[in-house]
């Protein structure tokens, strides 16, 4: 597989990857993990983790 083909695949699936990360963060927080630790594990900022949880769970942080 050529490098350009890999780059094209990454572009194509980037949205799905971001949705997966968001769902994973919400799932982990719902199961008792802290937002800070979850965000670090998923490699996003804590603020992004807080925003996702607030948007999808309606939780005030």
N, C-alpha and C. Protein backbone atom coordinates (compact mmCIF):
# COMPACT_ATOMS: atom_id res chain seq x y z
N UNK A 1 0.85 -1.17 0.00
CA UNK A 1 0.00 0.00 0.00
C UNK A 1 0.90 1.24 0.00
N UNK A 2 0.59 2.17 -0.85
CA UNK A 2 1.35 3.41 -0.96
C UNK A 2 0.99 4.38 0.16
N UNK A 3 1.92 5.24 0.48
CA UNK A 3 1.70 6.24 1.52
C UNK A 3 0.52 7.15 1.18
N UNK A 4 0.37 7.49 -0.09
CA UNK A 4 -0.75 8.35 -0.51
C UNK A 4 -2.09 7.66 -0.29
N UNK A 5 -2.12 6.34 -0.47
CA UNK A 5 -3.35 5.58 -0.23
C UNK A 5 -3.72 5.58 1.25
N UNK A 6 -2.70 5.46 2.09
CA UNK A 6 -2.93 5.50 3.53
C UNK A 6 -3.45 6.87 3.94
N UNK A 7 -2.87 7.92 3.39
CA UNK A 7 -3.31 9.28 3.69
C UNK A 7 -4.76 9.49 3.26
N UNK A 8 -5.12 8.96 2.11
CA UNK A 8 -6.51 9.07 1.63
C UNK A 8 -7.47 8.33 2.56
N UNK A 9 -7.06 7.16 3.03
CA UNK A 9 -7.91 6.39 3.95
C UNK A 9 -8.10 7.15 5.26
N UNK A 10 -7.03 7.75 5.75
CA UNK A 10 -7.12 8.51 7.00
C UNK A 10 -8.09 9.67 6.85
N UNK A 11 -8.04 10.36 5.74
CA UNK A 11 -8.98 11.46 5.49
C UNK A 11 -10.41 10.95 5.46
N UNK A 12 -10.61 9.81 4.80
CA UNK A 12 -11.95 9.25 4.65
C UNK A 12 -12.55 8.83 5.99
N UNK A 13 -11.75 8.28 6.88
CA UNK A 13 -12.27 7.73 8.13
C UNK A 13 -12.06 8.62 9.34
N UNK A 14 -11.52 9.82 9.14
CA UNK A 14 -11.25 10.71 10.27
C UNK A 14 -12.50 11.02 11.08
N UNK A 15 -13.61 11.30 10.40
CA UNK A 15 -14.85 11.62 11.11
C UNK A 15 -15.30 10.44 11.97
N UNK A 16 -15.22 9.24 11.44
CA UNK A 16 -15.62 8.06 12.20
C UNK A 16 -14.73 7.85 13.41
N UNK A 17 -13.45 8.11 13.25
CA UNK A 17 -12.49 7.98 14.35
C UNK A 17 -12.83 8.96 15.47
N UNK A 18 -13.15 10.19 15.11
CA UNK A 18 -13.50 11.19 16.12
C UNK A 18 -14.80 10.83 16.84
N UNK A 19 -15.76 10.29 16.12
CA UNK A 19 -17.01 9.84 16.74
C UNK A 19 -16.71 8.69 17.71
N UNK A 20 -15.86 7.76 17.30
CA UNK A 20 -15.48 6.64 18.16
C UNK A 20 -14.83 7.14 19.44
N UNK A 21 -13.90 8.11 19.32
CA UNK A 21 -13.25 8.64 20.52
C UNK A 21 -14.25 9.30 21.45
N UNK A 22 -15.18 10.04 20.89
CA UNK A 22 -16.19 10.70 21.71
C UNK A 22 -17.03 9.67 22.46
N UNK A 23 -17.48 8.65 21.77
CA UNK A 23 -18.28 7.59 22.39
C UNK A 23 -17.47 6.87 23.46
N UNK A 24 -16.20 6.63 23.19
CA UNK A 24 -15.34 5.95 24.16
C UNK A 24 -15.18 6.77 25.43
N UNK A 25 -14.98 8.08 25.28
CA UNK A 25 -14.87 8.95 26.45
C UNK A 25 -16.15 8.90 27.28
N UNK A 26 -17.27 9.03 26.63
CA UNK A 26 -18.56 9.01 27.34
C UNK A 26 -18.75 7.67 28.05
N UNK A 27 -18.42 6.59 27.38
CA UNK A 27 -18.56 5.26 27.97
C UNK A 27 -17.68 5.10 29.21
N UNK A 28 -16.43 5.54 29.10
CA UNK A 28 -15.50 5.40 30.22
C UNK A 28 -15.94 6.24 31.41
N UNK A 29 -16.37 7.47 31.15
CA UNK A 29 -16.83 8.35 32.24
C UNK A 29 -18.08 7.78 32.88
N UNK A 30 -18.98 7.26 32.07
CA UNK A 30 -20.21 6.66 32.59
C UNK A 30 -19.90 5.46 33.50
N UNK A 31 -18.78 4.79 33.23
CA UNK A 31 -18.38 3.63 34.03
C UNK A 31 -17.47 4.00 35.19
N UNK A 32 -17.41 5.30 35.51
CA UNK A 32 -16.72 5.71 36.72
C UNK A 32 -15.32 6.27 36.57
N UNK A 33 -14.80 6.29 35.36
CA UNK A 33 -13.46 6.83 35.15
C UNK A 33 -13.53 8.36 35.18
N UNK A 34 -12.50 9.00 35.66
CA UNK A 34 -12.49 10.47 35.69
C UNK A 34 -12.31 11.02 34.27
N UNK A 35 -12.83 12.21 34.06
CA UNK A 35 -12.68 12.85 32.75
C UNK A 35 -11.21 13.13 32.48
N UNK A 36 -10.48 13.56 33.47
CA UNK A 36 -9.06 13.87 33.29
C UNK A 36 -8.28 12.64 32.83
N UNK A 37 -8.47 11.52 33.52
CA UNK A 37 -7.74 10.30 33.16
C UNK A 37 -8.19 9.77 31.80
N UNK A 38 -9.48 9.80 31.55
CA UNK A 38 -10.01 9.34 30.27
C UNK A 38 -9.45 10.18 29.13
N UNK A 39 -9.47 11.49 29.31
CA UNK A 39 -8.97 12.40 28.27
C UNK A 39 -7.50 12.12 27.98
N UNK A 40 -6.73 11.90 29.02
CA UNK A 40 -5.30 11.60 28.84
C UNK A 40 -5.12 10.30 28.07
N UNK A 41 -5.92 9.28 28.42
CA UNK A 41 -5.82 7.98 27.74
C UNK A 41 -6.22 8.07 26.27
N UNK A 42 -7.17 8.92 25.94
CA UNK A 42 -7.67 9.05 24.57
C UNK A 42 -6.84 10.07 23.79
N UNK A 43 -5.96 10.79 24.49
CA UNK A 43 -5.10 11.79 23.89
C UNK A 43 -5.88 13.01 23.38
N UNK A 44 -6.77 13.51 24.24
CA UNK A 44 -7.49 14.75 23.98
C UNK A 44 -7.31 15.65 25.19
N UNK A 45 -7.64 16.91 25.05
CA UNK A 45 -7.53 17.80 26.20
C UNK A 45 -8.65 17.51 27.20
N UNK A 46 -8.41 17.85 28.44
CA UNK A 46 -9.44 17.67 29.46
C UNK A 46 -10.67 18.49 29.13
N UNK A 47 -10.46 19.70 28.60
CA UNK A 47 -11.59 20.57 28.22
C UNK A 47 -12.45 19.92 27.14
N UNK A 48 -11.83 19.27 26.18
CA UNK A 48 -12.60 18.57 25.14
C UNK A 48 -13.39 17.43 25.76
N UNK A 49 -12.77 16.67 26.65
CA UNK A 49 -13.48 15.59 27.34
C UNK A 49 -14.67 16.12 28.12
N UNK A 50 -14.47 17.23 28.81
CA UNK A 50 -15.57 17.83 29.57
C UNK A 50 -16.70 18.28 28.65
N UNK A 51 -16.33 18.87 27.52
CA UNK A 51 -17.35 19.34 26.57
C UNK A 51 -18.16 18.18 26.02
N UNK A 52 -17.49 17.09 25.64
CA UNK A 52 -18.19 15.93 25.11
C UNK A 52 -19.14 15.34 26.13
N UNK A 53 -18.66 15.20 27.36
CA UNK A 53 -19.52 14.63 28.41
C UNK A 53 -20.71 15.54 28.67
N UNK A 54 -20.47 16.82 28.72
CA UNK A 54 -21.56 17.77 28.97
C UNK A 54 -22.58 17.74 27.83
N UNK A 55 -22.11 17.71 26.58
CA UNK A 55 -23.00 17.69 25.43
C UNK A 55 -23.86 16.43 25.39
N UNK A 56 -23.27 15.30 25.66
CA UNK A 56 -23.98 14.03 25.46
C UNK A 56 -24.63 13.48 26.70
N UNK A 57 -24.15 13.85 27.87
CA UNK A 57 -24.77 13.36 29.10
C UNK A 57 -25.54 14.45 29.83
N UNK A 58 -25.36 15.69 29.40
CA UNK A 58 -26.04 16.80 30.04
C UNK A 58 -25.57 17.01 31.46
N UNK A 59 -24.32 16.64 31.74
CA UNK A 59 -23.78 16.71 33.08
C UNK A 59 -23.06 18.03 33.28
N UNK A 60 -23.34 18.70 34.38
CA UNK A 60 -22.58 19.88 34.73
C UNK A 60 -21.31 19.45 35.43
N UNK A 61 -20.22 19.98 34.96
CA UNK A 61 -18.92 19.57 35.51
C UNK A 61 -18.37 20.67 36.39
